Amino acid sequence: MRKRAAARQTDVLSVLNACDKPMTAYQILEQLQTREPDIAPPTVYRTLSALTDQGRAHRLESIKAFVPCRCSHLESVPVLAICEDCGSVEEHDGSELLPKLTALTDQSAFRADRHIVEIHGQCEACSA
């Protein structure tokens, strides 16, 4: 029997929340297959797409991986600091960036559908 979308989203978020590092869609798929062997990649991709559209997960474009959203971003910009050494991701509230980003894109009449900022470097533990 097929799971409903809400139940599938809960399953995927549970996998993401249980991991302290970003996960690729195939890593999420592998975790889900331990309980549900017949789950297919398109199901995971559709679920991740829905979760990112809802703001409940973030896709890290630069590393093609996902993390759960840990903040509210209704009128904000998620700023994700990605450690190049250990892979940890810290999420920050970039509310003060939204007016500046909007002003930049307004200059060329570009209409942004979503905002996300990724910063790569080293976390405190790795730079010590």
C-alpha atoms as a PDB file:
ATOM      1  CA  MET A   1       0.000   0.000   0.000  1.00  0.00           C
ATOM      2  CA  ARG A   2       1.308   3.446  -0.917  1.00  0.00           C
ATOM      3  CA  LYS A   3       2.048   5.926   1.826  1.00  0.00           C
ATOM      4  CA  ARG A   4       0.409   9.307   1.830  1.00  0.00           C
ATOM      5  CA  ALA A   5       2.597  12.322   1.039  1.00  0.00           C
ATOM      6  CA  ALA A   6       2.491  13.609   4.627  1.00  0.00           C
ATOM      7  CA  ALA A   7       3.663  10.266   6.010  1.00  0.00           C
ATOM      8  CA  ARG A   8       6.430  10.084   3.408  1.00  0.00           C
ATOM      9  CA  GLN A   9       7.558  13.610   4.313  1.00  0.00           C
ATOM     10  CA  THR A  10       7.656  12.662   7.987  1.00  0.00           C
ATOM     11  CA  ASP A  11       9.813   9.634   7.138  1.00  0.00           C
ATOM     12  CA  VAL A  12      12.294  11.689   5.114  1.00  0.00           C
ATOM     13  CA  LEU A  13      12.498  14.429   7.756  1.00  0.00           C
ATOM     14  CA  SER A  14      13.134  11.782  10.401  1.00  0.00           C
ATOM     15  CA  VAL A  15      16.101  10.496   8.403  1.00  0.00           C
ATOM     16  CA  LEU A  16      17.452  14.017   7.891  1.00  0.00           C
ATOM     17  CA  ASN A  17      17.009  14.939  11.549  1.00  0.00           C
ATOM     18  CA  ALA A  18      18.799  11.779  12.692  1.00  0.00           C
ATOM     19  CA  CYS A  19      21.946  12.716  10.761  1.00  0.00           C
ATOM     20  CA  ASP A  20      24.208  15.590  11.787  1.00  0.00           C
ATOM     21  CA  LYS A  21      25.590  15.993   8.245  1.00  0.00           C
ATOM     22  CA  PRO A  22      23.949  16.844   4.916  1.00  0.00           C
ATOM     23  CA  MET A  23      22.589  13.828   3.066  1.00  0.00           C
ATOM     24  CA  THR A  24      22.203  13.127  -0.632  1.00  0.00           C
ATOM     25  CA  ALA A  25      18.909  11.802  -1.942  1.00  0.00           C
ATOM     26  CA  TYR A  26      20.495   8.372  -2.409  1.00  0.00           C
ATOM     27  CA  GLN A  27      21.773   8.309   1.180  1.00  0.00           C
ATOM     28  CA  ILE A  28      18.234   9.093   2.334  1.00  0.00           C
ATOM     29  CA  LEU A  29      16.915   6.375   0.015  1.00  0.00           C
ATOM     30  CA  GLU A  30      19.313   3.815   1.531  1.00  0.00           C
ATOM     31  CA  GLN A  31      18.099   4.658   5.040  1.00  0.00           C
ATOM     32  CA  LEU A  32      14.449   4.367   4.030  1.00  0.00           C
ATOM     33  CA  GLN A  33      15.035   1.068   2.221  1.00  0.00           C
ATOM     34  CA  THR A  34      15.982  -0.618   5.511  1.00  0.00           C
ATOM     35  CA  ARG A  35      12.301  -0.330   6.522  1.00  0.00           C
ATOM     36  CA  GLU A  36      10.716  -0.156   3.089  1.00  0.00           C
ATOM     37  CA  PRO A  37      12.726  -2.118   0.486  1.00  0.00           C
ATOM     38  CA  ASP A  38      10.485  -1.222  -2.463  1.00  0.00           C
ATOM     39  CA  ILE A  39      10.841   2.568  -2.177  1.00  0.00           C
ATOM     40  CA  ALA A  40      12.216   4.065  -5.401  1.00  0.00           C
ATOM     41  CA  PRO A  41      14.428   7.108  -6.075  1.00  0.00           C
ATOM     42  CA  PRO A  42      11.649   9.188  -7.726  1.00  0.00           C
ATOM     43  CA  THR A  43       9.606   8.929  -4.530  1.00  0.00           C
ATOM     44  CA  VAL A  44      12.463  10.345  -2.471  1.00  0.00           C
ATOM     45  CA  TYR A  45      13.132  13.117  -4.993  1.00  0.00           C
ATOM     46  CA  ARG A  46       9.436  14.115  -5.087  1.00  0.00           C
ATOM     47  CA  THR A  47       9.305  14.152  -1.300  1.00  0.00           C
ATOM     48  CA  LEU A  48      12.475  16.250  -1.014  1.00  0.00           C
ATOM     49  CA  SER A  49      11.099  18.667  -3.596  1.00  0.00           C
ATOM     50  CA  ALA A  50       7.901  19.082  -1.582  1.00  0.00           C
ATOM     51  CA  LEU A  51       9.842  19.562   1.657  1.00  0.00           C
ATOM     52  CA  THR A  52      12.092  22.225   0.124  1.00  0.00           C
ATOM     53  CA  ASP A  53       9.077  23.991  -1.428  1.00  0.00           C
ATOM     54  CA  GLN A  54       7.460  24.034   2.024  1.00  0.00           C
ATOM     55  CA  GLY A  55      10.648  25.366   3.648  1.00  0.00           C
ATOM     56  CA  ARG A  56      10.968  22.284   5.854  1.00  0.00           C
ATOM     57  CA  ALA A  57      14.276  21.214   4.285  1.00  0.00           C
ATOM     58  CA  HIS A  58      17.072  22.936   2.385  1.00  0.00           C
ATOM     59  CA  ARG A  59      18.878  21.734  -0.715  1.00  0.00           C
ATOM     60  CA  LEU A  60      22.535  22.635  -0.567  1.00  0.00           C
ATOM     61  CA  GLU A  61      23.036  23.435  -4.241  1.00  0.00           C
ATOM     62  CA  SER A  62      26.821  23.444  -4.077  1.00  0.00           C
ATOM     63  CA  ILE A  63      27.107  19.900  -2.719  1.00  0.00           C
ATOM     64  CA  LYS A  64      23.805  18.424  -3.964  1.00  0.00           C
ATOM     65  CA  ALA A  65      22.686  17.401  -0.489  1.00  0.00           C
ATOM     66  CA  PHE A  66      19.851  18.157   1.910  1.00  0.00           C
ATOM     67  CA  VAL A  67      19.482  19.273   5.525  1.00  0.00           C
ATOM     68  CA  PRO A  68      16.349  19.801   7.605  1.00  0.00           C
ATOM     69  CA  CYS A  69      15.297  23.396   8.155  1.00  0.00           C
ATOM     70  CA  ARG A  70      15.951  24.394  11.758  1.00  0.00           C
ATOM     71  CA  CYS A  71      14.641  28.000  11.608  1.00  0.00           C
ATOM     72  CA  SER A  72      11.574  29.866  10.440  1.00  0.00           C
ATOM     73  CA  HIS A  73      12.186  31.622   7.127  1.00  0.00           C
ATOM     74  CA  LEU A  74       8.844  33.171   6.291  1.00  0.00           C
ATOM     75  CA  GLU A  75      10.377  36.619   5.719  1.00  0.00           C
ATOM     76  CA  SER A  76      14.005  35.667   5.901  1.00  0.00           C
ATOM     77  CA  VAL A  77      16.951  34.201   4.071  1.00  0.00           C
ATOM     78  CA  PRO A  78      18.494  30.976   5.327  1.00  0.00           C
ATOM     79  CA  VAL A  79      22.255  31.336   5.558  1.00  0.00           C
ATOM     80  CA  LEU A  80      23.933  27.939   5.636  1.00  0.00           C
ATOM     81  CA  ALA A  81      27.565  27.759   6.778  1.00  0.00           C
ATOM     82  CA  ILE A  82      29.080  24.531   5.432  1.00  0.00           C
ATOM     83  CA  CYS A  83      32.314  23.211   6.906  1.00  0.00           C
ATOM     84  CA  GLU A  84      34.605  21.932   4.154  1.00  0.00           C
ATOM     85  CA  ASP A  85      36.431  19.648   6.607  1.00  0.00           C
ATOM     86  CA  CYS A  86      33.820  17.860   8.729  1.00  0.00           C
ATOM     87  CA  GLY A  87      30.718  18.571   6.619  1.00  0.00           C
ATOM     88  CA  SER A  88      28.683  20.124   9.410  1.00  0.00           C
ATOM     89  CA  VAL A  89      26.113  22.748   8.488  1.00  0.00           C
ATOM     90  CA  GLU A  90      25.087  25.652  10.697  1.00  0.00           C
ATOM     91  CA  GLU A  91      21.875  27.467   9.834  1.00  0.00           C
ATOM     92  CA  HIS A  92      21.617  31.197  10.488  1.00  0.00           C
ATOM     93  CA  ASP A  93      18.812  33.723  10.111  1.00  0.00           C
ATOM     94  CA  GLY A  94      19.669  36.146   7.319  1.00  0.00           C
ATOM     95  CA  SER A  95      16.669  38.462   7.806  1.00  0.00           C
ATOM     96  CA  GLU A  96      18.800  41.571   7.406  1.00  0.00           C
ATOM     97  CA  LEU A  97      19.976  40.325   3.996  1.00  0.00           C
ATOM     98  CA  LEU A  98      16.540  40.125   2.376  1.00  0.00           C
ATOM     99  CA  PRO A  99      16.117  43.872   1.654  1.00  0.00           C
ATOM    100  CA  LYS A 100      19.654  44.038   0.245  1.00  0.00           C
ATOM    101  CA  LEU A 101      19.171  41.008  -1.982  1.00  0.00           C
ATOM    102  CA  THR A 102      15.831  42.344  -3.183  1.00  0.00           C
ATOM    103  CA  ALA A 103      17.404  45.721  -3.996  1.00  0.00           C
ATOM    104  CA  LEU A 104      20.136  43.967  -6.003  1.00  0.00           C
ATOM    105  CA  THR A 105      17.742  41.896  -8.076  1.00  0.00           C
ATOM    106  CA  ASP A 106      15.295  44.778  -8.548  1.00  0.00           C
ATOM    107  CA  GLN A 107      18.006  46.620 -10.507  1.00  0.00           C
ATOM    108  CA  SER A 108      17.624  44.115 -13.327  1.00  0.00           C
ATOM    109  CA  ALA A 109      13.919  43.345 -12.797  1.00  0.00           C
ATOM    110  CA  PHE A 110      14.863  39.809 -11.736  1.00  0.00           C
ATOM    111  CA  ARG A 111      12.153  38.129  -9.669  1.00  0.00           C
ATOM    112  CA  ALA A 112      13.528  35.720  -7.094  1.00  0.00           C
ATOM    113  CA  ASP A 113      11.456  32.670  -6.232  1.00  0.00           C
ATOM    114  CA  ARG A 114      13.514  31.796  -3.193  1.00  0.00           C
ATOM    115  CA  HIS A 115      16.603  32.951  -1.377  1.00  0.00           C
ATOM    116  CA  ILE A 116      19.306  30.813   0.156  1.00  0.00           C
ATOM    117  CA  VAL A 117      22.915  31.710   0.926  1.00  0.00           C
ATOM    118  CA  GLU A 118      25.645  29.081   1.220  1.00  0.00           C
ATOM    119  CA  ILE A 119      28.989  29.909   2.791  1.00  0.00           C
ATOM    120  CA  HIS A 120      31.864  27.421   2.645  1.00  0.00           C
ATOM    121  CA  GLY A 121      34.749  27.404   5.104  1.00  0.00           C
ATOM    122  CA  GLN A 122      35.734  25.810   8.391  1.00  0.00           C
ATOM    123  CA  CYS A 123      33.659  25.468  11.548  1.00  0.00           C
ATOM    124  CA  GLU A 124      35.127  26.457  14.911  1.00  0.00           C
ATOM    125  CA  ALA A 125      36.054  22.880  15.814  1.00  0.00           C
ATOM    126  CA  CYS A 126      37.930  22.297  12.552  1.00  0.00           C
ATOM    127  CA  SER A 127      39.744  25.630  12.521  1.00  0.00           C
ATOM    128  CA  ALA A 128      41.060  25.224  16.070  1.00  0.00           C
END
